[in-house]
Amino acid sequence: MALKSKTWYRTEFKAMAVAAGTIKLPTAGNYLNHSLQDKPSHRLNNVGSSHANALSLTKMYTTISQPMAEAIKKANSKGEKSVGYQSSIATTVGNVGLDFYLTYGKVT
């Protein structure tokens, strides 16, 4: 089977991006639509944005951030100026939800 044109694929994926928003996958649809440009700009989600706030409520984020915050609090109570902390967890549908998982894929 011969490959179809770039325009054809973009049209198909654009339809998927629009449909994603109707089935509770707005972030994945938005990012997919953004990616369909030849040179898409970088995406930036500032602290306090609805995207950043939603991501901060996921199990993946809290699994990393809560122990890190506890380590910082403990170091501060001892008068330390820095703290070492290392943790890694991969995204799954269970710890970030389907929308963020489809947006970012498997990220560690």
PDB file of N, CA and C in Angstrom:
ATOM      1  N   MET A   1       0.838  -1.173   0.000  1.00  0.00           N
ATOM      2  CA  MET A   1       0.000   0.000   0.000  1.00  0.00           C
ATOM      3  C   MET A   1       0.894   1.252   0.000  1.00  0.00           C
ATOM      4  N   ALA A   2       0.629   2.147  -0.883  1.00  0.00           N
ATOM      5  CA  ALA A   2       1.403   3.384  -0.979  1.00  0.00           C
ATOM      6  C   ALA A   2       0.995   4.354   0.128  1.00  0.00           C
ATOM      7  N   LEU A   3       1.967   5.117   0.584  1.00  0.00           N
ATOM      8  CA  LEU A   3       1.671   6.140   1.586  1.00  0.00           C
ATOM      9  C   LEU A   3       0.824   7.240   0.966  1.00  0.00           C
ATOM     10  N   LYS A   4      -0.008   7.833   1.784  1.00  0.00           N
ATOM     11  CA  LYS A   4      -0.843   8.938   1.320  1.00  0.00           C
ATOM     12  C   LYS A   4      -0.101  10.249   1.561  1.00  0.00           C
ATOM     13  N   SER A   5      -0.686  11.337   1.149  1.00  0.00           N
ATOM     14  CA  SER A   5      -0.021  12.637   1.275  1.00  0.00           C
ATOM     15  C   SER A   5      -0.013  13.130   2.720  1.00  0.00           C
ATOM     16  N   LYS A   6       0.902  14.058   2.993  1.00  0.00           N
ATOM     17  CA  LYS A   6       0.979  14.669   4.318  1.00  0.00           C
ATOM     18  C   LYS A   6      -0.347  15.352   4.651  1.00  0.00           C
ATOM     19  N   THR A   7      -0.954  15.997   3.681  1.00  0.00           N
ATOM     20  CA  THR A   7      -2.240  16.673   3.899  1.00  0.00           C
ATOM     21  C   THR A   7      -3.315  15.666   4.304  1.00  0.00           C
ATOM     22  N   TRP A   8      -3.323  14.515   3.679  1.00  0.00           N
ATOM     23  CA  TRP A   8      -4.317  13.495   4.023  1.00  0.00           C
ATOM     24  C   TRP A   8      -4.153  13.063   5.482  1.00  0.00           C
ATOM     25  N   TYR A   9      -2.909  12.765   5.877  1.00  0.00           N
ATOM     26  CA  TYR A   9      -2.660  12.338   7.260  1.00  0.00           C
ATOM     27  C   TYR A   9      -3.016  13.441   8.248  1.00  0.00           C
ATOM     28  N   ARG A  10      -2.652  14.659   7.923  1.00  0.00           N
ATOM     29  CA  ARG A  10      -2.991  15.765   8.821  1.00  0.00           C
ATOM     30  C   ARG A  10      -4.501  15.904   8.980  1.00  0.00           C
ATOM     31  N   THR A  11      -5.231  15.753   7.910  1.00  0.00           N
ATOM     32  CA  THR A  11      -6.697  15.850   7.978  1.00  0.00           C
ATOM     33  C   THR A  11      -7.259  14.758   8.877  1.00  0.00           C
ATOM     34  N   GLU A  12      -6.761  13.542   8.734  1.00  0.00           N
ATOM     35  CA  GLU A  12      -7.223  12.431   9.568  1.00  0.00           C
ATOM     36  C   GLU A  12      -6.896  12.662  11.044  1.00  0.00           C
ATOM     37  N   PHE A  13      -5.657  13.087  11.314  1.00  0.00           N
ATOM     38  CA  PHE A  13      -5.260  13.327  12.702  1.00  0.00           C
ATOM     39  C   PHE A  13      -5.973  14.544  13.291  1.00  0.00           C
ATOM     40  N   LYS A  14      -6.269  15.535  12.461  1.00  0.00           N
ATOM     41  CA  LYS A  14      -7.019  16.700  12.928  1.00  0.00           C
ATOM     42  C   LYS A  14      -8.410  16.254  13.381  1.00  0.00           C
ATOM     43  N   ALA A  15      -9.026  15.362  12.633  1.00  0.00           N
ATOM     44  CA  ALA A  15     -10.336  14.832  13.028  1.00  0.00           C
ATOM     45  C   ALA A  15     -10.227  14.069  14.352  1.00  0.00           C
ATOM     46  N   MET A  16      -9.147  13.323  14.527  1.00  0.00           N
ATOM     47  CA  MET A  16      -8.930  12.612  15.792  1.00  0.00           C
ATOM     48  C   MET A  16      -8.746  13.597  16.937  1.00  0.00           C
ATOM     49  N   ALA A  17      -8.006  14.681  16.695  1.00  0.00           N
ATOM     50  CA  ALA A  17      -7.767  15.689  17.727  1.00  0.00           C
ATOM     51  C   ALA A  17      -9.072  16.337  18.165  1.00  0.00           C
ATOM     52  N   VAL A  18      -9.926  16.657  17.210  1.00  0.00           N
ATOM     53  CA  VAL A  18     -11.224  17.255  17.535  1.00  0.00           C
ATOM     54  C   VAL A  18     -12.082  16.251  18.301  1.00  0.00           C
ATOM     55  N   ALA A  19     -12.091  15.013  17.858  1.00  0.00           N
ATOM     56  CA  ALA A  19     -12.884  13.983  18.536  1.00  0.00           C
ATOM     57  C   ALA A  19     -12.396  13.741  19.962  1.00  0.00           C
ATOM     58  N   ALA A  20     -11.100  13.836  20.183  1.00  0.00           N
ATOM     59  CA  ALA A  20     -10.547  13.600  21.519  1.00  0.00           C
ATOM     60  C   ALA A  20     -11.150  14.564  22.531  1.00  0.00           C
ATOM     61  N   GLY A  21     -11.370  15.797  22.122  1.00  0.00           N
ATOM     62  CA  GLY A  21     -11.960  16.779  23.017  1.00  0.00           C
ATOM     63  C   GLY A  21     -13.387  16.448  23.417  1.00  0.00           C
ATOM     64  N   THR A  22     -14.074  15.686  22.608  1.00  0.00           N
ATOM     65  CA  THR A  22     -15.463  15.339  22.911  1.00  0.00           C
ATOM     66  C   THR A  22     -15.580  14.108  23.806  1.00  0.00           C
ATOM     67  N   ILE A  23     -14.473  13.395  24.004  1.00  0.00           N
ATOM     68  CA  ILE A  23     -14.520  12.188  24.844  1.00  0.00           C
ATOM     69  C   ILE A  23     -13.595  12.324  26.057  1.00  0.00           C
ATOM     70  N   LYS A  24     -13.546  13.521  26.600  1.00  0.00           N
ATOM     71  CA  LYS A  24     -12.808  13.806  27.833  1.00  0.00           C
ATOM     72  C   LYS A  24     -11.299  13.606  27.705  1.00  0.00           C
ATOM     73  N   LEU A  25     -10.770  13.930  26.536  1.00  0.00           N
ATOM     74  CA  LEU A  25      -9.319  13.893  26.310  1.00  0.00           C
ATOM     75  C   LEU A  25      -8.873  15.228  25.709  1.00  0.00           C
ATOM     76  N   PRO A  26      -9.242  16.346  26.352  1.00  0.00           N
ATOM     77  CA  PRO A  26      -8.968  17.651  25.743  1.00  0.00           C
ATOM     78  C   PRO A  26      -7.485  17.975  25.613  1.00  0.00           C
ATOM     79  N   THR A  27      -6.678  17.583  26.569  1.00  0.00           N
ATOM     80  CA  THR A  27      -5.249  17.912  26.519  1.00  0.00           C
ATOM     81  C   THR A  27      -4.572  17.118  25.409  1.00  0.00           C
ATOM     82  N   ALA A  28      -4.870  15.842  25.328  1.00  0.00           N
ATOM     83  CA  ALA A  28      -4.285  15.005  24.270  1.00  0.00           C
ATOM     84  C   ALA A  28      -4.698  15.525  22.901  1.00  0.00           C
ATOM     85  N   GLY A  29      -5.967  15.885  22.746  1.00  0.00           N
ATOM     86  CA  GLY A  29      -6.439  16.425  21.475  1.00  0.00           C
ATOM     87  C   GLY A  29      -5.765  17.738  21.128  1.00  0.00           C
ATOM     88  N   ASN A  30      -5.611  18.601  22.123  1.00  0.00           N
ATOM     89  CA  ASN A  30      -4.970  19.895  21.911  1.00  0.00           C
ATOM     90  C   ASN A  30      -3.517  19.716  21.495  1.00  0.00           C
ATOM     91  N   TYR A  31      -2.798  18.841  22.172  1.00  0.00           N
ATOM     92  CA  TYR A  31      -1.385  18.624  21.840  1.00  0.00           C
ATOM     93  C   TYR A  31      -1.232  17.936  20.485  1.00  0.00           C
ATOM     94  N   LEU A  32      -2.123  17.002  20.171  1.00  0.00           N
ATOM     95  CA  LEU A  32      -2.071  16.351  18.862  1.00  0.00           C
ATOM     96  C   LEU A  32      -2.296  17.385  17.765  1.00  0.00           C
ATOM     97  N   ASN A  33      -3.303  18.221  17.934  1.00  0.00           N
ATOM     98  CA  ASN A  33      -3.580  19.261  16.945  1.00  0.00           C
ATOM     99  C   ASN A  33      -2.367  20.189  16.782  1.00  0.00           C
ATOM    100  N   HIS A  34      -1.760  20.567  17.886  1.00  0.00           N
ATOM    101  CA  HIS A  34      -0.581  21.444  17.849  1.00  0.00           C
ATOM    102  C   HIS A  34       0.578  20.791  17.088  1.00  0.00           C
ATOM    103  N   SER A  35       0.715  19.490  17.228  1.00  0.00           N
ATOM    104  CA  SER A  35       1.839  18.774  16.612  1.00  0.00           C
ATOM    105  C   SER A  35       1.698  18.622  15.102  1.00  0.00           C
ATOM    106  N   LEU A  36       0.550  18.939  14.560  1.00  0.00           N
ATOM    107  CA  LEU A  36       0.319  18.718  13.132  1.00  0.00           C
ATOM    108  C   LEU A  36       0.915  19.805  12.238  1.00  0.00           C
ATOM    109  N   GLN A  37       1.584  20.767  12.825  1.00  0.00           N
ATOM    110  CA  GLN A  37       2.256  21.808  12.050  1.00  0.00           C
ATOM    111  C   GLN A  37       3.634  21.304  11.615  1.00  0.00           C
ATOM    112  N   ASP A  38       4.163  21.903  10.567  1.00  0.00           N
ATOM    113  CA  ASP A  38       5.513  21.527  10.131  1.00  0.00           C
ATOM    114  C   ASP A  38       6.555  21.863  11.186  1.00  0.00           C
ATOM    115  N   LYS A  39       6.436  23.029  11.798  1.00  0.00           N
ATOM    116  CA  LYS A  39       7.384  23.453  12.835  1.00  0.00           C
ATOM    117  C   LYS A  39       6.597  23.979  14.033  1.00  0.00           C
ATOM    118  N   PRO A  40       5.999  23.076  14.806  1.00  0.00           N
ATOM    119  CA  PRO A  40       5.207  23.557  15.948  1.00  0.00           C
ATOM    120  C   PRO A  40       6.096  24.237  16.987  1.00  0.00           C
ATOM    121  N   SER A  41       5.547  25.260  17.621  1.00  0.00           N
ATOM    122  CA  SER A  41       6.287  25.949  18.669  1.00  0.00           C
ATOM    123  C   SER A  41       6.352  25.059  19.904  1.00  0.00           C
ATOM    124  N   HIS A  42       7.287  25.385  20.782  1.00  0.00           N
ATOM    125  CA  HIS A  42       7.386  24.663  22.044  1.00  0.00           C
ATOM    126  C   HIS A  42       6.160  24.971  22.889  1.00  0.00           C
ATOM    127  N   ARG A  43       5.696  23.986  23.634  1.00  0.00           N
ATOM    128  CA  ARG A  43       4.567  24.205  24.538  1.00  0.00           C
ATOM    129  C   ARG A  43       5.123  24.565  25.909  1.00  0.00           C
ATOM    130  N   LEU A  44       4.551  25.558  26.539  1.00  0.00           N
ATOM    131  CA  LEU A  44       4.961  25.988  27.862  1.00  0.00           C
ATOM    132  C   LEU A  44       3.725  26.113  28.736  1.00  0.00           C
ATOM    133  N   ASN A  45       3.726  25.410  29.847  1.00  0.00           N
ATOM    134  CA  ASN A  45       2.616  25.470  30.790  1.00  0.00           C
ATOM    135  C   ASN A  45       3.149  26.055  32.091  1.00  0.00           C
ATOM    136  N   ASN A  46       2.934  27.339  32.260  1.00  0.00           N
ATOM    137  CA  ASN A  46       3.463  28.051  33.412  1.00  0.00           C
ATOM    138  C   ASN A  46       2.863  27.553  34.716  1.00  0.00           C
ATOM    139  N   VAL A  47       3.607  27.735  35.788  1.00  0.00           N
ATOM    140  CA  VAL A  47       3.106  27.420  37.123  1.00  0.00           C
ATOM    141  C   VAL A  47       1.817  28.209  37.332  1.00  0.00           C
ATOM    142  N   GLY A  48       0.815  27.532  37.829  1.00  0.00           N
ATOM    143  CA  GLY A  48      -0.471  28.179  38.065  1.00  0.00           C
ATOM    144  C   GLY A  48      -1.436  28.071  36.903  1.00  0.00           C
ATOM    145  N   SER A  49      -0.953  27.599  35.748  1.00  0.00           N
ATOM    146  CA  SER A  49      -1.867  27.416  34.617  1.00  0.00           C
ATOM    147  C   SER A  49      -2.775  26.232  34.915  1.00  0.00           C
ATOM    148  N   SER A  50      -3.909  26.183  34.249  1.00  0.00           N
ATOM    149  CA  SER A  50      -4.842  25.073  34.500  1.00  0.00           C
ATOM    150  C   SER A  50      -4.182  23.735  34.179  1.00  0.00           C
ATOM    151  N   HIS A  51      -3.344  23.692  33.152  1.00  0.00           N
ATOM    152  CA  HIS A  51      -2.658  22.450  32.785  1.00  0.00           C
ATOM    153  C   HIS A  51      -1.686  22.026  33.893  1.00  0.00           C
ATOM    154  N   ALA A  52      -0.860  22.966  34.332  1.00  0.00           N
ATOM    155  CA  ALA A  52       0.113  22.656  35.386  1.00  0.00           C
ATOM    156  C   ALA A  52      -0.607  22.266  36.678  1.00  0.00           C
ATOM    157  N   ASN A  53      -1.673  22.964  37.006  1.00  0.00           N
ATOM    158  CA  ASN A  53      -2.417  22.641  38.229  1.00  0.00           C
ATOM    159  C   ASN A  53      -3.025  21.245  38.151  1.00  0.00           C
ATOM    160  N   ALA A  54      -3.589  20.891  37.005  1.00  0.00           N
ATOM    161  CA  ALA A  54      -4.184  19.566  36.850  1.00  0.00           C
ATOM    162  C   ALA A  54      -3.121  18.477  36.945  1.00  0.00           C
ATOM    163  N   LEU A  55      -1.962  18.699  36.311  1.00  0.00           N
ATOM    164  CA  LEU A  55      -0.887  17.716  36.367  1.00  0.00           C
ATOM    165  C   LEU A  55      -0.375  17.536  37.795  1.00  0.00           C
ATOM    166  N   SER A  56      -0.374  18.619  38.577  1.00  0.00           N
ATOM    167  CA  SER A  56       0.129  18.533  39.951  1.00  0.00           C
ATOM    168  C   SER A  56      -0.776  17.715  40.861  1.00  0.00           C
ATOM    169  N   LEU A  57      -1.982  17.418  40.418  1.00  0.00           N
ATOM    170  CA  LEU A  57      -2.908  16.617  41.221  1.00  0.00           C
ATOM    171  C   LEU A  57      -2.830  15.125  40.905  1.00  0.00           C
ATOM    172  N   THR A  58      -2.014  14.750  39.942  1.00  0.00           N
ATOM    173  CA  THR A  58      -1.933  13.340  39.566  1.00  0.00           C
ATOM    174  C   THR A  58      -1.121  12.546  40.590  1.00  0.00           C
ATOM    175  N   LYS A  59      -1.365  11.257  40.639  1.00  0.00           N
ATOM    176  CA  LYS A  59      -0.641  10.380  41.566  1.00  0.00           C
ATOM    177  C   LYS A  59       0.860  10.377  41.271  1.00  0.00           C
ATOM    178  N   MET A  60       1.237  10.452  40.007  1.00  0.00           N
ATOM    179  CA  MET A  60       2.650  10.461  39.658  1.00  0.00           C
ATOM    180  C   MET A  60       3.335  11.671  40.288  1.00  0.00           C
ATOM    181  N   TYR A  61       2.733  12.832  40.134  1.00  0.00           N
ATOM    182  CA  TYR A  61       3.334  14.060  40.667  1.00  0.00           C
ATOM    183  C   TYR A  61       3.430  14.008  42.188  1.00  0.00           C
ATOM    184  N   THR A  62       2.354  13.596  42.836  1.00  0.00           N
ATOM    185  CA  THR A  62       2.378  13.583  44.298  1.00  0.00           C
ATOM    186  C   THR A  62       3.324  12.514  44.832  1.00  0.00           C
ATOM    187  N   THR A  63       3.525  11.432  44.105  1.00  0.00           N
ATOM    188  CA  THR A  63       4.463  10.385  44.529  1.00  0.00           C
ATOM    189  C   THR A  63       5.889  10.932  44.573  1.00  0.00           C
ATOM    190  N   ILE A  64       6.200  11.863  43.675  1.00  0.00           N
ATOM    191  CA  ILE A  64       7.537  12.457  43.642  1.00  0.00           C
ATOM    192  C   ILE A  64       7.608  13.699  44.528  1.00  0.00           C
ATOM    193  N   SER A  65       6.625  14.568  44.425  1.00  0.00           N
ATOM    194  CA  SER A  65       6.729  15.875  45.083  1.00  0.00           C
ATOM    195  C   SER A  65       6.561  15.818  46.589  1.00  0.00           C
ATOM    196  N   GLN A  66       5.697  14.953  47.104  1.00  0.00           N
ATOM    197  CA  GLN A  66       5.495  14.917  48.553  1.00  0.00           C
ATOM    198  C   GLN A  66       6.743  14.450  49.300  1.00  0.00           C
ATOM    199  N   PRO A  67       7.383  13.350  48.916  1.00  0.00           N
ATOM    200  CA  PRO A  67       8.636  12.979  49.588  1.00  0.00           C
ATOM    201  C   PRO A  67       9.728  14.041  49.421  1.00  0.00           C
ATOM    202  N   MET A  68       9.769  14.704  48.265  1.00  0.00           N
ATOM    203  CA  MET A  68      10.755  15.742  48.043  1.00  0.00           C
ATOM    204  C   MET A  68      10.504  16.914  49.004  1.00  0.00           C
ATOM    205  N   ALA A  69       9.254  17.310  49.144  1.00  0.00           N
ATOM    206  CA  ALA A  69       8.913  18.406  50.058  1.00  0.00           C
ATOM    207  C   ALA A  69       9.262  18.045  51.495  1.00  0.00           C
ATOM    208  N   GLU A  70       9.038  16.789  51.873  1.00  0.00           N
ATOM    209  CA  GLU A  70       9.379  16.349  53.231  1.00  0.00           C
ATOM    210  C   GLU A  70      10.890  16.396  53.458  1.00  0.00           C
ATOM    211  N   ALA A  71      11.664  15.996  52.439  1.00  0.00           N
ATOM    212  CA  ALA A  71      13.124  16.037  52.554  1.00  0.00           C
ATOM    213  C   ALA A  71      13.613  17.478  52.686  1.00  0.00           C
ATOM    214  N   ILE A  72      13.001  18.393  51.950  1.00  0.00           N
ATOM    215  CA  ILE A  72      13.375  19.812  52.029  1.00  0.00           C
ATOM    216  C   ILE A  72      13.025  20.367  53.408  1.00  0.00           C
ATOM    217  N   LYS A  73      11.840  20.038  53.898  1.00  0.00           N
ATOM    218  CA  LYS A  73      11.414  20.523  55.219  1.00  0.00           C
ATOM    219  C   LYS A  73      12.372  20.027  56.310  1.00  0.00           C
ATOM    220  N   LYS A  74      12.750  18.755  56.206  1.00  0.00           N
ATOM    221  CA  LYS A  74      13.669  18.166  57.194  1.00  0.00           C
ATOM    222  C   LYS A  74      15.031  18.863  57.133  1.00  0.00           C
ATOM    223  N   ALA A  75      15.538  19.105  55.922  1.00  0.00           N
ATOM    224  CA  ALA A  75      16.829  19.779  55.770  1.00  0.00           C
ATOM    225  C   ALA A  75      16.757  21.202  56.305  1.00  0.00           C
ATOM    226  N   ASN A  76      15.653  21.901  56.022  1.00  0.00           N
ATOM    227  CA  ASN A  76      15.494  23.274  56.520  1.00  0.00           C
ATOM    228  C   ASN A  76      15.483  23.312  58.041  1.00  0.00           C
ATOM    229  N   SER A  77      14.839  22.323  58.659  1.00  0.00           N
ATOM    230  CA  SER A  77      14.772  22.311  60.127  1.00  0.00           C
ATOM    231  C   SER A  77      16.148  22.097  60.759  1.00  0.00           C
ATOM    232  N   LYS A  78      17.062  21.507  59.992  1.00  0.00           N
ATOM    233  CA  LYS A  78      18.430  21.293  60.470  1.00  0.00           C
ATOM    234  C   LYS A  78      19.349  22.447  60.058  1.00  0.00           C
ATOM    235  N   GLY A  79      18.800  23.455  59.389  1.00  0.00           N
ATOM    236  CA  GLY A  79      19.601  24.589  58.955  1.00  0.00           C
ATOM    237  C   GLY A  79      20.420  24.312  57.711  1.00  0.00           C
ATOM    238  N   GLU A  80      20.129  23.225  57.008  1.00  0.00           N
ATOM    239  CA  GLU A  80      20.886  22.899  55.796  1.00  0.00           C
ATOM    240  C   GLU A  80      20.422  23.773  54.637  1.00  0.00           C
ATOM    241  N   LYS A  81      21.337  24.091  53.756  1.00  0.00           N
ATOM    242  CA  LYS A  81      21.038  24.965  52.618  1.00  0.00           C
ATOM    243  C   LYS A  81      20.637  24.200  51.359  1.00  0.00           C
ATOM    244  N   SER A  82      20.903  22.896  51.338  1.00  0.00           N
ATOM    245  CA  SER A  82      20.542  22.104  50.163  1.00  0.00           C
ATOM    246  C   SER A  82      20.173  20.698  50.615  1.00  0.00           C
ATOM    247  N   VAL A  83      19.520  19.995  49.725  1.00  0.00           N
ATOM    248  CA  VAL A  83      19.105  18.633  50.032  1.00  0.00           C
ATOM    249  C   VAL A  83      19.192  17.797  48.757  1.00  0.00           C
ATOM    250  N   GLY A  84      19.611  16.590  48.914  1.00  0.00           N
ATOM    251  CA  GLY A  84      19.641  15.675  47.781  1.00  0.00           C
ATOM    252  C   GLY A  84      18.407  14.792  47.824  1.00  0.00           C
ATOM    253  N   TYR A  85      17.829  14.570  46.672  1.00  0.00           N
ATOM    254  CA  TYR A  85      16.661  13.697  46.610  1.00  0.00           C
ATOM    255  C   TYR A  85      16.589  13.132  45.208  1.00  0.00           C
ATOM    256  N   GLN A  86      16.344  11.847  45.119  1.00  0.00           N
ATOM    257  CA  GLN A  86      16.258  11.221  43.810  1.00  0.00           C
ATOM    258  C   GLN A  86      15.069  10.279  43.797  1.00  0.00           C
ATOM    259  N   SER A  87      14.230  10.434  42.797  1.00  0.00           N
ATOM    260  CA  SER A  87      13.082   9.545  42.638  1.00  0.00           C
ATOM    261  C   SER A  87      12.710   9.527  41.167  1.00  0.00           C
ATOM    262  N   SER A  88      12.160   8.459  40.732  1.00  0.00           N
ATOM    263  CA  SER A  88      11.725   8.357  39.347  1.00  0.00           C
ATOM    264  C   SER A  88      10.498   7.455  39.290  1.00  0.00           C
ATOM    265  N   ILE A  89       9.542   7.869  38.501  1.00  0.00           N
ATOM    266  CA  ILE A  89       8.346   7.061  38.301  1.00  0.00           C
ATOM    267  C   ILE A  89       7.863   7.310  36.881  1.00  0.00           C
ATOM    268  N   ALA A  90       7.440   6.286  36.205  1.00  0.00           N
ATOM    269  CA  ALA A  90       6.982   6.422  34.823  1.00  0.00           C
ATOM    270  C   ALA A  90       5.482   6.684  34.800  1.00  0.00           C
ATOM    271  N   THR A  91       5.051   7.433  33.820  1.00  0.00           N
ATOM    272  CA  THR A  91       3.623   7.682  33.664  1.00  0.00           C
ATOM    273  C   THR A  91       2.904   6.408  33.236  1.00  0.00           C
ATOM    274  N   THR A  92       1.734   6.232  33.787  1.00  0.00           N
ATOM    275  CA  THR A  92       0.823   5.165  33.380  1.00  0.00           C
ATOM    276  C   THR A  92      -0.576   5.773  33.364  1.00  0.00           C
ATOM    277  N   VAL A  93      -1.517   5.102  32.763  1.00  0.00           N
ATOM    278  CA  VAL A  93      -2.897   5.583  32.789  1.00  0.00           C
ATOM    279  C   VAL A  93      -3.370   5.682  34.237  1.00  0.00           C
ATOM    280  N   GLY A  94      -2.928   4.754  35.083  1.00  0.00           N
ATOM    281  CA  GLY A  94      -3.358   4.738  36.473  1.00  0.00           C
ATOM    282  C   GLY A  94      -2.831   5.877  37.322  1.00  0.00           C
ATOM    283  N   ASN A  95      -1.662   6.420  36.978  1.00  0.00           N
ATOM    284  CA  ASN A  95      -1.119   7.469  37.847  1.00  0.00           C
ATOM    285  C   ASN A  95      -1.184   8.880  37.268  1.00  0.00           C
ATOM    286  N   VAL A  96      -1.576   9.034  36.007  1.00  0.00           N
ATOM    287  CA  VAL A  96      -1.775  10.378  35.470  1.00  0.00           C
ATOM    288  C   VAL A  96      -3.117  10.547  34.765  1.00  0.00           C
ATOM    289  N   GLY A  97      -3.843   9.455  34.580  1.00  0.00           N
ATOM    290  CA  GLY A  97      -5.108   9.534  33.848  1.00  0.00           C
ATOM    291  C   GLY A  97      -4.873   9.400  32.351  1.00  0.00           C
ATOM    292  N   LEU A  98      -5.907   9.007  31.645  1.00  0.00           N
ATOM    293  CA  LEU A  98      -5.787   8.728  30.212  1.00  0.00           C
ATOM    294  C   LEU A  98      -5.416   9.975  29.410  1.00  0.00           C
ATOM    295  N   ASP A  99      -5.986  11.140  29.747  1.00  0.00           N
ATOM    296  CA  ASP A  99      -5.716  12.350  28.978  1.00  0.00           C
ATOM    297  C   ASP A  99      -4.235  12.724  29.019  1.00  0.00           C
ATOM    298  N   PHE A 100      -3.642  12.790  30.219  1.00  0.00           N
ATOM    299  CA  PHE A 100      -2.221  13.131  30.310  1.00  0.00           C
ATOM    300  C   PHE A 100      -1.349  12.017  29.748  1.00  0.00           C
ATOM    301  N   TYR A 101      -1.751  10.765  29.912  1.00  0.00           N
ATOM    302  CA  TYR A 101      -0.956   9.665  29.367  1.00  0.00           C
ATOM    303  C   TYR A 101      -0.896   9.748  27.845  1.00  0.00           C
ATOM    304  N   LEU A 102      -2.035  10.035  27.212  1.00  0.00           N
ATOM    305  CA  LEU A 102      -2.035  10.172  25.758  1.00  0.00           C
ATOM    306  C   LEU A 102      -1.308  11.441  25.320  1.00  0.00           C
ATOM    307  N   THR A 103      -1.268  12.447  26.163  1.00  0.00           N
ATOM    308  CA  THR A 103      -0.563  13.686  25.848  1.00  0.00           C
ATOM    309  C   THR A 103       0.943  13.478  25.869  1.00  0.00           C
ATOM    310  N   TYR A 104       1.445  12.871  26.927  1.00  0.00           N
ATOM    311  CA  TYR A 104       2.892  12.760  27.125  1.00  0.00           C
ATOM    312  C   TYR A 104       3.460  11.386  26.815  1.00  0.00           C
ATOM    313  N   GLY A 105       2.631  10.366  26.804  1.00  0.00           N
ATOM    314  CA  GLY A 105       3.137   9.025  26.620  1.00  0.00           C
ATOM    315  C   GLY A 105       3.839   8.546  27.878  1.00  0.00           C
ATOM    316  N   LYS A 106       4.751   7.618  27.722  1.00  0.00           N
ATOM    317  CA  LYS A 106       5.478   7.103  28.876  1.00  0.00           C
ATOM    318  C   LYS A 106       6.679   7.983  29.158  1.00  0.00           C
ATOM    319  N   VAL A 107       6.608   8.718  30.242  1.00  0.00           N
ATOM    320  CA  VAL A 107       7.670   9.621  30.652  1.00  0.00           C
ATOM    321  C   VAL A 107       8.135   9.190  32.020  1.00  0.00           C
ATOM    322  N   THR A 108       9.422   9.190  32.240  1.00  0.00           N
ATOM    323  CA  THR A 108       9.959   8.835  33.554  1.00  0.00           C
ATOM    324  C   THR A 108      10.455  10.079  34.230  1.00  0.00           C
TER     325      THR A 108
END
